Amino acid sequence: MDSWFTALVREPSMVPTLRDGDAILVRRTTRVRPGDVVIVEFAGQDGLMVKRAVRPVDDGWWVEGDNAFVQDDSRRYGPATVVGRVLLRWWPRLSLIRRR
């Protein structure tokens, strides 16, 4: 399993931190801390999503998006399984993704 991968953001849930169309670099890991921007899977949902880790819970992590108007996160789907941590955005502008 590769420890790094790239992904393209395809949702508005992380605005203003990340926007639809941003390309990100992700380190595959389950070791995250509250405030990290992470890539997750939700049971019963197809695909990966980018969210912010809030707190560990019994069945994974409670995660939420930064955009208060979009709630397709743990508030809707419950705990998530972390796939990796977002380290930087490399397109369209280079920036490190920092913990809150």
PDB file of N, CA and C in Angstrom:
ATOM      1  N   MET A   1       0.847  -1.178   0.000  1.00  0.00           N
ATOM      2  CA  MET A   1       0.000   0.000   0.000  1.00  0.00           C
ATOM      3  C   MET A   1       0.897   1.247   0.000  1.00  0.00           C
ATOM      4  N   ASP A   2       0.665   2.156  -0.945  1.00  0.00           N
ATOM      5  CA  ASP A   2       1.420   3.399  -0.996  1.00  0.00           C
ATOM      6  C   ASP A   2       1.069   4.275   0.197  1.00  0.00           C
ATOM      7  N   SER A   3       2.055   4.996   0.706  1.00  0.00           N
ATOM      8  CA  SER A   3       1.799   5.836   1.869  1.00  0.00           C
ATOM      9  C   SER A   3       1.374   7.249   1.480  1.00  0.00           C
ATOM     10  N   TRP A   4       1.463   7.606   0.209  1.00  0.00           N
ATOM     11  CA  TRP A   4       1.063   8.926  -0.276  1.00  0.00           C
ATOM     12  C   TRP A   4       0.125   8.776  -1.461  1.00  0.00           C
ATOM     13  N   PHE A   5      -0.832   9.694  -1.576  1.00  0.00           N
ATOM     14  CA  PHE A   5      -1.651   9.748  -2.780  1.00  0.00           C
ATOM     15  C   PHE A   5      -2.176  11.166  -2.968  1.00  0.00           C
ATOM     16  N   THR A   6      -2.602  11.457  -4.166  1.00  0.00           N
ATOM     17  CA  THR A   6      -3.198  12.758  -4.452  1.00  0.00           C
ATOM     18  C   THR A   6      -4.695  12.574  -4.640  1.00  0.00           C
ATOM     19  N   ALA A   7      -5.420  13.651  -4.400  1.00  0.00           N
ATOM     20  CA  ALA A   7      -6.874  13.615  -4.559  1.00  0.00           C
ATOM     21  C   ALA A   7      -7.342  14.979  -5.048  1.00  0.00           C
ATOM     22  N   LEU A   8      -8.516  14.997  -5.624  1.00  0.00           N
ATOM     23  CA  LEU A   8      -9.134  16.221  -6.098  1.00  0.00           C
ATOM     24  C   LEU A   8     -10.382  16.470  -5.265  1.00  0.00           C
ATOM     25  N   VAL A   9     -10.480  17.649  -4.668  1.00  0.00           N
ATOM     26  CA  VAL A   9     -11.645  18.002  -3.845  1.00  0.00           C
ATOM     27  C   VAL A   9     -12.831  18.211  -4.770  1.00  0.00           C
ATOM     28  N   ARG A  10     -13.943  17.533  -4.475  1.00  0.00           N
ATOM     29  CA  ARG A  10     -15.136  17.626  -5.299  1.00  0.00           C
ATOM     30  C   ARG A  10     -16.378  17.891  -4.468  1.00  0.00           C
ATOM     31  N   GLU A  11     -16.264  18.798  -3.526  1.00  0.00           N
ATOM     32  CA  GLU A  11     -17.411  19.146  -2.692  1.00  0.00           C
ATOM     33  C   GLU A  11     -17.108  20.475  -2.011  1.00  0.00           C
ATOM     34  N   PRO A  12     -18.136  21.206  -1.582  1.00  0.00           N
ATOM     35  CA  PRO A  12     -17.906  22.497  -0.926  1.00  0.00           C
ATOM     36  C   PRO A  12     -17.846  22.425   0.600  1.00  0.00           C
ATOM     37  N   SER A  13     -17.789  21.242   1.169  1.00  0.00           N
ATOM     38  CA  SER A  13     -17.908  21.128   2.628  1.00  0.00           C
ATOM     39  C   SER A  13     -16.722  21.664   3.412  1.00  0.00           C
ATOM     40  N   MET A  14     -15.574  21.873   2.765  1.00  0.00           N
ATOM     41  CA  MET A  14     -14.390  22.357   3.487  1.00  0.00           C
ATOM     42  C   MET A  14     -14.050  23.815   3.187  1.00  0.00           C
ATOM     43  N   VAL A  15     -14.945  24.541   2.528  1.00  0.00           N
ATOM     44  CA  VAL A  15     -14.741  25.969   2.284  1.00  0.00           C
ATOM     45  C   VAL A  15     -14.753  26.685   3.636  1.00  0.00           C
ATOM     46  N   PRO A  16     -13.824  27.564   3.945  1.00  0.00           N
ATOM     47  CA  PRO A  16     -12.855  28.191   3.056  1.00  0.00           C
ATOM     48  C   PRO A  16     -11.488  27.506   3.013  1.00  0.00           C
ATOM     49  N   THR A  17     -11.256  26.462   3.800  1.00  0.00           N
ATOM     50  CA  THR A  17      -9.944  25.807   3.830  1.00  0.00           C
ATOM     51  C   THR A  17      -9.597  25.188   2.488  1.00  0.00           C
ATOM     52  N   LEU A  18     -10.519  24.441   1.928  1.00  0.00           N
ATOM     53  CA  LEU A  18     -10.348  23.813   0.610  1.00  0.00           C
ATOM     54  C   LEU A  18     -11.583  24.095  -0.219  1.00  0.00           C
ATOM     55  N   ARG A  19     -11.376  24.231  -1.518  1.00  0.00           N
ATOM     56  CA  ARG A  19     -12.482  24.518  -2.425  1.00  0.00           C
ATOM     57  C   ARG A  19     -12.593  23.422  -3.488  1.00  0.00           C
ATOM     58  N   ASP A  20     -13.784  23.326  -4.069  1.00  0.00           N
ATOM     59  CA  ASP A  20     -14.007  22.389  -5.152  1.00  0.00           C
ATOM     60  C   ASP A  20     -12.958  22.629  -6.240  1.00  0.00           C
ATOM     61  N   GLY A  21     -12.265  21.582  -6.659  1.00  0.00           N
ATOM     62  CA  GLY A  21     -11.237  21.688  -7.681  1.00  0.00           C
ATOM     63  C   GLY A  21      -9.822  21.742  -7.145  1.00  0.00           C
ATOM     64  N   ASP A  22      -9.644  21.924  -5.834  1.00  0.00           N
ATOM     65  CA  ASP A  22      -8.305  21.927  -5.252  1.00  0.00           C
ATOM     66  C   ASP A  22      -7.702  20.523  -5.320  1.00  0.00           C
ATOM     67  N   ALA A  23      -6.425  20.459  -5.666  1.00  0.00           N
ATOM     68  CA  ALA A  23      -5.688  19.192  -5.664  1.00  0.00           C
ATOM     69  C   ALA A  23      -4.894  19.127  -4.362  1.00  0.00           C
ATOM     70  N   ILE A  24      -4.967  17.979  -3.681  1.00  0.00           N
ATOM     71  CA  ILE A  24      -4.341  17.837  -2.371  1.00  0.00           C
ATOM     72  C   ILE A  24      -3.413  16.621  -2.331  1.00  0.00           C
ATOM     73  N   LEU A  25      -2.421  16.703  -1.453  1.00  0.00           N
ATOM     74  CA  LEU A  25      -1.510  15.590  -1.201  1.00  0.00           C
ATOM     75  C   LEU A  25      -1.888  14.990   0.149  1.00  0.00           C
ATOM     76  N   VAL A  26      -2.058  13.673   0.165  1.00  0.00           N
ATOM     77  CA  VAL A  26      -2.545  12.972   1.354  1.00  0.00           C
ATOM     78  C   VAL A  26      -1.536  11.915   1.774  1.00  0.00           C
ATOM     79  N   ARG A  27      -1.273  11.842   3.062  1.00  0.00           N
ATOM     80  CA  ARG A  27      -0.454  10.755   3.608  1.00  0.00           C
ATOM     81  C   ARG A  27      -1.394   9.713   4.189  1.00  0.00           C
ATOM     82  N   ARG A  28      -1.290   8.493   3.701  1.00  0.00           N
ATOM     83  CA  ARG A  28      -2.155   7.408   4.182  1.00  0.00           C
ATOM     84  C   ARG A  28      -1.734   7.060   5.610  1.00  0.00           C
ATOM     85  N   THR A  29      -2.632   7.287   6.573  1.00  0.00           N
ATOM     86  CA  THR A  29      -2.373   7.000   7.981  1.00  0.00           C
ATOM     87  C   THR A  29      -3.688   7.025   8.740  1.00  0.00           C
ATOM     88  N   THR A  30      -3.710   6.346   9.857  1.00  0.00           N
ATOM     89  CA  THR A  30      -4.866   6.423  10.756  1.00  0.00           C
ATOM     90  C   THR A  30      -4.512   7.225  12.003  1.00  0.00           C
ATOM     91  N   ARG A  31      -3.267   7.674  12.084  1.00  0.00           N
ATOM     92  CA  ARG A  31      -2.810   8.460  13.231  1.00  0.00           C
ATOM     93  C   ARG A  31      -3.045   9.942  12.965  1.00  0.00           C
ATOM     94  N   VAL A  32      -4.111  10.449  13.519  1.00  0.00           N
ATOM     95  CA  VAL A  32      -4.453  11.861  13.362  1.00  0.00           C
ATOM     96  C   VAL A  32      -4.799  12.444  14.722  1.00  0.00           C
ATOM     97  N   ARG A  33      -4.870  13.760  14.764  1.00  0.00           N
ATOM     98  CA  ARG A  33      -5.245  14.462  15.989  1.00  0.00           C
ATOM     99  C   ARG A  33      -6.407  15.395  15.686  1.00  0.00           C
ATOM    100  N   PRO A  34      -7.167  15.755  16.717  1.00  0.00           N
ATOM    101  CA  PRO A  34      -8.252  16.718  16.491  1.00  0.00           C
ATOM    102  C   PRO A  34      -7.716  17.983  15.821  1.00  0.00           C
ATOM    103  N   GLY A  35      -8.468  18.455  14.842  1.00  0.00           N
ATOM    104  CA  GLY A  35      -8.077  19.632  14.087  1.00  0.00           C
ATOM    105  C   GLY A  35      -7.429  19.329  12.761  1.00  0.00           C
ATOM    106  N   ASP A  36      -6.962  18.089  12.554  1.00  0.00           N
ATOM    107  CA  ASP A  36      -6.355  17.704  11.277  1.00  0.00           C
ATOM    108  C   ASP A  36      -7.415  17.628  10.183  1.00  0.00           C
ATOM    109  N   VAL A  37      -7.027  17.974   8.958  1.00  0.00           N
ATOM    110  CA  VAL A  37      -7.880  17.753   7.794  1.00  0.00           C
ATOM    111  C   VAL A  37      -7.569  16.353   7.293  1.00  0.00           C
ATOM    112  N   VAL A  38      -8.611  15.545   7.135  1.00  0.00           N
ATOM    113  CA  VAL A  38      -8.425  14.127   6.852  1.00  0.00           C
ATOM    114  C   VAL A  38      -9.295  13.666   5.686  1.00  0.00           C
ATOM    115  N   ILE A  39      -8.893  12.541   5.115  1.00  0.00           N
ATOM    116  CA  ILE A  39      -9.697  11.834   4.121  1.00  0.00           C
ATOM    117  C   ILE A  39     -10.347  10.667   4.858  1.00  0.00           C
ATOM    118  N   VAL A  40     -11.668  10.527   4.689  1.00  0.00           N
ATOM    119  CA  VAL A  40     -12.406   9.513   5.445  1.00  0.00           C
ATOM    120  C   VAL A  40     -13.346   8.726   4.550  1.00  0.00           C
ATOM    121  N   GLU A  41     -13.780   7.590   5.113  1.00  0.00           N
ATOM    122  CA  GLU A  41     -14.851   6.779   4.536  1.00  0.00           C
ATOM    123  C   GLU A  41     -15.951   6.671   5.577  1.00  0.00           C
ATOM    124  N   PHE A  42     -17.197   6.703   5.112  1.00  0.00           N
ATOM    125  CA  PHE A  42     -18.342   6.482   5.988  1.00  0.00           C
ATOM    126  C   PHE A  42     -18.977   5.148   5.619  1.00  0.00           C
ATOM    127  N   ALA A  43     -19.340   4.370   6.613  1.00  0.00           N
ATOM    128  CA  ALA A  43     -20.010   3.090   6.369  1.00  0.00           C
ATOM    129  C   ALA A  43     -21.287   3.332   5.575  1.00  0.00           C
ATOM    130  N   GLY A  44     -21.476   2.553   4.534  1.00  0.00           N
ATOM    131  CA  GLY A  44     -22.681   2.657   3.721  1.00  0.00           C
ATOM    132  C   GLY A  44     -22.641   3.753   2.665  1.00  0.00           C
ATOM    133  N   GLN A  45     -21.551   4.502   2.582  1.00  0.00           N
ATOM    134  CA  GLN A  45     -21.415   5.569   1.587  1.00  0.00           C
ATOM    135  C   GLN A  45     -20.296   5.211   0.615  1.00  0.00           C
ATOM    136  N   ASP A  46     -20.485   5.540  -0.640  1.00  0.00           N
ATOM    137  CA  ASP A  46     -19.461   5.290  -1.650  1.00  0.00           C
ATOM    138  C   ASP A  46     -18.469   6.433  -1.683  1.00  0.00           C
ATOM    139  N   GLY A  47     -17.211   6.121  -1.863  1.00  0.00           N
ATOM    140  CA  GLY A  47     -16.192   7.133  -2.079  1.00  0.00           C
ATOM    141  C   GLY A  47     -15.581   7.692  -0.812  1.00  0.00           C
ATOM    142  N   LEU A  48     -14.569   8.519  -1.027  1.00  0.00           N
ATOM    143  CA  LEU A  48     -13.850   9.173   0.054  1.00  0.00           C
ATOM    144  C   LEU A  48     -14.318  10.616   0.178  1.00  0.00           C
ATOM    145  N   MET A  49     -14.195  11.165   1.376  1.00  0.00           N
ATOM    146  CA  MET A  49     -14.555  12.555   1.620  1.00  0.00           C
ATOM    147  C   MET A  49     -13.452  13.230   2.413  1.00  0.00           C
ATOM    148  N   VAL A  50     -13.335  14.544   2.235  1.00  0.00           N
ATOM    149  CA  VAL A  50     -12.365  15.318   2.998  1.00  0.00           C
ATOM    150  C   VAL A  50     -13.120  16.082   4.089  1.00  0.00           C
ATOM    151  N   LYS A  51     -12.650  15.948   5.325  1.00  0.00           N
ATOM    152  CA  LYS A  51     -13.304  16.557   6.495  1.00  0.00           C
ATOM    153  C   LYS A  51     -12.249  16.951   7.515  1.00  0.00           C
ATOM    154  N   ARG A  52     -12.689  17.572   8.601  1.00  0.00           N
ATOM    155  CA  ARG A  52     -11.790  17.915   9.702  1.00  0.00           C
ATOM    156  C   ARG A  52     -12.073  16.973  10.870  1.00  0.00           C
ATOM    157  N   ALA A  53     -11.013  16.367  11.420  1.00  0.00           N
ATOM    158  CA  ALA A  53     -11.146  15.481  12.576  1.00  0.00           C
ATOM    159  C   ALA A  53     -11.518  16.316  13.794  1.00  0.00           C
ATOM    160  N   VAL A  54     -12.581  15.919  14.476  1.00  0.00           N
ATOM    161  CA  VAL A  54     -13.039  16.647  15.664  1.00  0.00           C
ATOM    162  C   VAL A  54     -12.606  15.921  16.932  1.00  0.00           C
ATOM    163  N   ARG A  55     -12.964  14.626  17.015  1.00  0.00           N
ATOM    164  CA  ARG A  55     -12.600  13.845  18.207  1.00  0.00           C
ATOM    165  C   ARG A  55     -12.736  12.357  17.899  1.00  0.00           C
ATOM    166  N   PRO A  56     -11.916  11.550  18.584  1.00  0.00           N
ATOM    167  CA  PRO A  56     -12.086  10.103  18.429  1.00  0.00           C
ATOM    168  C   PRO A  56     -13.347   9.649  19.161  1.00  0.00           C
ATOM    169  N   VAL A  57     -14.050   8.695  18.579  1.00  0.00           N
ATOM    170  CA  VAL A  57     -15.225   8.081  19.193  1.00  0.00           C
ATOM    171  C   VAL A  57     -15.061   6.567  19.102  1.00  0.00           C
ATOM    172  N   ASP A  58     -15.953   5.829  19.743  1.00  0.00           N
ATOM    173  CA  ASP A  58     -15.826   4.372  19.811  1.00  0.00           C
ATOM    174  C   ASP A  58     -15.668   3.696  18.454  1.00  0.00           C
ATOM    175  N   ASP A  59     -16.385   4.153  17.446  1.00  0.00           N
ATOM    176  CA  ASP A  59     -16.380   3.473  16.152  1.00  0.00           C
ATOM    177  C   ASP A  59     -15.535   4.177  15.095  1.00  0.00           C
ATOM    178  N   GLY A  60     -14.644   5.072  15.488  1.00  0.00           N
ATOM    179  CA  GLY A  60     -13.802   5.789  14.524  1.00  0.00           C
ATOM    180  C   GLY A  60     -13.564   7.214  14.965  1.00  0.00           C
ATOM    181  N   TRP A  61     -13.792   8.148  14.051  1.00  0.00           N
ATOM    182  CA  TRP A  61     -13.605   9.574  14.327  1.00  0.00           C
ATOM    183  C   TRP A  61     -14.874  10.341  14.019  1.00  0.00           C
ATOM    184  N   TRP A  62     -15.170  11.323  14.862  1.00  0.00           N
ATOM    185  CA  TRP A  62     -16.217  12.284  14.570  1.00  0.00           C
ATOM    186  C   TRP A  62     -15.558  13.346  13.713  1.00  0.00           C
ATOM    187  N   VAL A  63     -16.088  13.580  12.518  1.00  0.00           N
ATOM    188  CA  VAL A  63     -15.512  14.546  11.589  1.00  0.00           C
ATOM    189  C   VAL A  63     -16.590  15.510  11.120  1.00  0.00           C
ATOM    190  N   GLU A  64     -16.177  16.726  10.817  1.00  0.00           N
ATOM    191  CA  GLU A  64     -17.101  17.734  10.310  1.00  0.00           C
ATOM    192  C   GLU A  64     -16.411  18.551   9.239  1.00  0.00           C
ATOM    193  N   GLY A  65     -17.204  19.101   8.321  1.00  0.00           N
ATOM    194  CA  GLY A  65     -16.685  20.016   7.322  1.00  0.00           C
ATOM    195  C   GLY A  65     -16.532  21.411   7.912  1.00  0.00           C
ATOM    196  N   ASP A  66     -15.712  22.243   7.284  1.00  0.00           N
ATOM    197  CA  ASP A  66     -15.526  23.620   7.750  1.00  0.00           C
ATOM    198  C   ASP A  66     -16.660  24.536   7.324  1.00  0.00           C
ATOM    199  N   ASN A  67     -17.421  24.151   6.308  1.00  0.00           N
ATOM    200  CA  ASN A  67     -18.523  24.954   5.789  1.00  0.00           C
ATOM    201  C   ASN A  67     -19.790  24.647   6.593  1.00  0.00           C
ATOM    202  N   ALA A  68     -20.255  25.615   7.361  1.00  0.00           N
ATOM    203  CA  ALA A  68     -21.419  25.415   8.232  1.00  0.00           C
ATOM    204  C   ALA A  68     -22.705  25.128   7.464  1.00  0.00           C
ATOM    205  N   PHE A  69     -22.743  25.462   6.169  1.00  0.00           N
ATOM    206  CA  PHE A  69     -23.956  25.260   5.374  1.00  0.00           C
ATOM    207  C   PHE A  69     -24.056  23.868   4.756  1.00  0.00           C
ATOM    208  N   VAL A  70     -23.001  23.063   4.865  1.00  0.00           N
ATOM    209  CA  VAL A  70     -22.987  21.711   4.307  1.00  0.00           C
ATOM    210  C   VAL A  70     -22.740  20.737   5.453  1.00  0.00           C
ATOM    211  N   GLN A  71     -23.668  19.815   5.657  1.00  0.00           N
ATOM    212  CA  GLN A  71     -23.540  18.891   6.773  1.00  0.00           C
ATOM    213  C   GLN A  71     -23.529  17.434   6.320  1.00  0.00           C
ATOM    214  N   ASP A  72     -22.714  17.130   5.319  1.00  0.00           N
ATOM    215  CA  ASP A  72     -22.563  15.741   4.875  1.00  0.00           C
ATOM    216  C   ASP A  72     -21.339  15.143   5.561  1.00  0.00           C
ATOM    217  N   ASP A  73     -21.449  15.032   6.870  1.00  0.00           N
ATOM    218  CA  ASP A  73     -20.332  14.588   7.688  1.00  0.00           C
ATOM    219  C   ASP A  73     -20.864  13.698   8.803  1.00  0.00           C
ATOM    220  N   SER A  74     -20.193  13.638   9.930  1.00  0.00           N
ATOM    221  CA  SER A  74     -20.630  12.761  11.024  1.00  0.00           C
ATOM    222  C   SER A  74     -22.001  13.145  11.569  1.00  0.00           C
ATOM    223  N   ARG A  75     -22.411  14.379  11.387  1.00  0.00           N
ATOM    224  CA  ARG A  75     -23.755  14.791  11.822  1.00  0.00           C
ATOM    225  C   ARG A  75     -24.825  14.052  11.034  1.00  0.00           C
ATOM    226  N   ARG A  76     -24.505  13.625   9.819  1.00  0.00           N
ATOM    227  CA  ARG A  76     -25.448  12.877   8.988  1.00  0.00           C
ATOM    228  C   ARG A  76     -25.153  11.375   8.982  1.00  0.00           C
ATOM    229  N   TYR A  77     -23.860  11.000   8.877  1.00  0.00           N
ATOM    230  CA  TYR A  77     -23.491   9.606   8.657  1.00  0.00           C
ATOM    231  C   TYR A  77     -22.902   8.894   9.867  1.00  0.00           C
ATOM    232  N   GLY A  78     -22.642   9.608  10.952  1.00  0.00           N
ATOM    233  CA  GLY A  78     -22.034   8.990  12.128  1.00  0.00           C
ATOM    234  C   GLY A  78     -20.521   8.970  12.032  1.00  0.00           C
ATOM    235  N   PRO A  79     -19.867   8.174  12.861  1.00  0.00           N
ATOM    236  CA  PRO A  79     -18.402   8.126  12.878  1.00  0.00           C
ATOM    237  C   PRO A  79     -17.822   7.679  11.535  1.00  0.00           C
ATOM    238  N   ALA A  80     -16.609   8.161  11.262  1.00  0.00           N
ATOM    239  CA  ALA A  80     -15.929   7.857  10.004  1.00  0.00           C
ATOM    240  C   ALA A  80     -14.652   7.082  10.276  1.00  0.00           C
ATOM    241  N   THR A  81     -14.212   6.367   9.243  1.00  0.00           N
ATOM    242  CA  THR A  81     -12.916   5.692   9.276  1.00  0.00           C
ATOM    243  C   THR A  81     -11.914   6.576   8.557  1.00  0.00           C
ATOM    244  N   VAL A  82     -10.833   6.932   9.235  1.00  0.00           N
ATOM    245  CA  VAL A  82      -9.805   7.788   8.637  1.00  0.00           C
ATOM    246  C   VAL A  82      -8.930   6.964   7.693  1.00  0.00           C
ATOM    247  N   VAL A  83      -8.720   7.494   6.501  1.00  0.00           N
ATOM    248  CA  VAL A  83      -7.867   6.868   5.494  1.00  0.00           C
ATOM    249  C   VAL A  83      -6.506   7.567   5.454  1.00  0.00           C
ATOM    250  N   GLY A  84      -6.497   8.882   5.632  1.00  0.00           N
ATOM    251  CA  GLY A  84      -5.243   9.627   5.570  1.00  0.00           C
ATOM    252  C   GLY A  84      -5.404  11.060   6.030  1.00  0.00           C
ATOM    253  N   ARG A  85      -4.272  11.737   6.146  1.00  0.00           N
ATOM    254  CA  ARG A  85      -4.232  13.135   6.582  1.00  0.00           C
ATOM    255  C   ARG A  85      -3.772  14.008   5.424  1.00  0.00           C
ATOM    256  N   VAL A  86      -4.493  15.101   5.193  1.00  0.00           N
ATOM    257  CA  VAL A  86      -4.155  16.031   4.123  1.00  0.00           C
ATOM    258  C   VAL A  86      -2.982  16.892   4.584  1.00  0.00           C
ATOM    259  N   LEU A  87      -1.912  16.901   3.790  1.00  0.00           N
ATOM    260  CA  LEU A  87      -0.711  17.652   4.156  1.00  0.00           C
ATOM    261  C   LEU A  87      -0.609  18.994   3.450  1.00  0.00           C
ATOM    262  N   LEU A  88      -0.973  19.027   2.170  1.00  0.00           N
ATOM    263  CA  LEU A  88      -0.898  20.303   1.467  1.00  0.00           C
ATOM    264  C   LEU A  88      -1.813  20.315   0.264  1.00  0.00           C
ATOM    265  N   ARG A  89      -2.130  21.536  -0.140  1.00  0.00           N
ATOM    266  CA  ARG A  89      -2.859  21.762  -1.389  1.00  0.00           C
ATOM    267  C   ARG A  89      -1.786  22.147  -2.398  1.00  0.00           C
ATOM    268  N   TRP A  90      -1.737  21.508  -3.548  1.00  0.00           N
ATOM    269  CA  TRP A  90      -0.703  21.823  -4.526  1.00  0.00           C
ATOM    270  C   TRP A  90      -1.246  22.447  -5.802  1.00  0.00           C
ATOM    271  N   TRP A  91      -2.551  22.520  -5.932  1.00  0.00           N
ATOM    272  CA  TRP A  91      -3.163  23.179  -7.083  1.00  0.00           C
ATOM    273  C   TRP A  91      -4.497  23.740  -6.678  1.00  0.00           C
ATOM    274  N   PRO A  92      -4.911  24.908  -7.031  1.00  0.00           N
ATOM    275  CA  PRO A  92      -4.253  25.845  -7.924  1.00  0.00           C
ATOM    276  C   PRO A  92      -3.206  26.730  -7.242  1.00  0.00           C
ATOM    277  N   ARG A  93      -3.081  26.667  -5.929  1.00  0.00           N
ATOM    278  CA  ARG A  93      -2.033  27.425  -5.231  1.00  0.00           C
ATOM    279  C   ARG A  93      -1.451  26.535  -4.149  1.00  0.00           C
ATOM    280  N   LEU A  94      -0.171  26.594  -3.971  1.00  0.00           N
ATOM    281  CA  LEU A  94       0.527  25.768  -2.995  1.00  0.00           C
ATOM    282  C   LEU A  94       0.331  26.324  -1.586  1.00  0.00           C
ATOM    283  N   SER A  95      -0.108  25.478  -0.664  1.00  0.00           N
ATOM    284  CA  SER A  95      -0.201  25.885   0.738  1.00  0.00           C
ATOM    285  C   SER A  95      -0.250  24.650   1.625  1.00  0.00           C
ATOM    286  N   LEU A  96       0.360  24.776   2.795  1.00  0.00           N
ATOM    287  CA  LEU A  96       0.285  23.714   3.792  1.00  0.00           C
ATOM    288  C   LEU A  96      -1.083  23.720   4.424  1.00  0.00           C
ATOM    289  N   ILE A  97      -1.577  22.552   4.756  1.00  0.00           N
ATOM    290  CA  ILE A  97      -2.861  22.452   5.444  1.00  0.00           C
ATOM    291  C   ILE A  97      -2.548  22.260   6.926  1.00  0.00           C
ATOM    292  N   ARG A  98      -2.926  23.224   7.706  1.00  0.00           N
ATOM    293  CA  ARG A  98      -2.586  23.205   9.138  1.00  0.00           C
ATOM    294  C   ARG A  98      -3.761  22.757   9.994  1.00  0.00           C
ATOM    295  N   ARG A  99      -3.405  22.259  11.138  1.00  0.00           N
ATOM    296  CA  ARG A  99      -4.386  21.854  12.143  1.00  0.00           C
ATOM    297  C   ARG A  99      -5.024  23.111  12.718  1.00  0.00           C
ATOM    298  N   ARG A 100      -6.250  22.998  13.095  1.00  0.00           N
ATOM    299  CA  ARG A 100      -6.942  24.116  13.765  1.00  0.00           C
ATOM    300  C   ARG A 100      -6.777  24.017  15.243  1.00  0.00           C
TER     301      ARG A 100
END
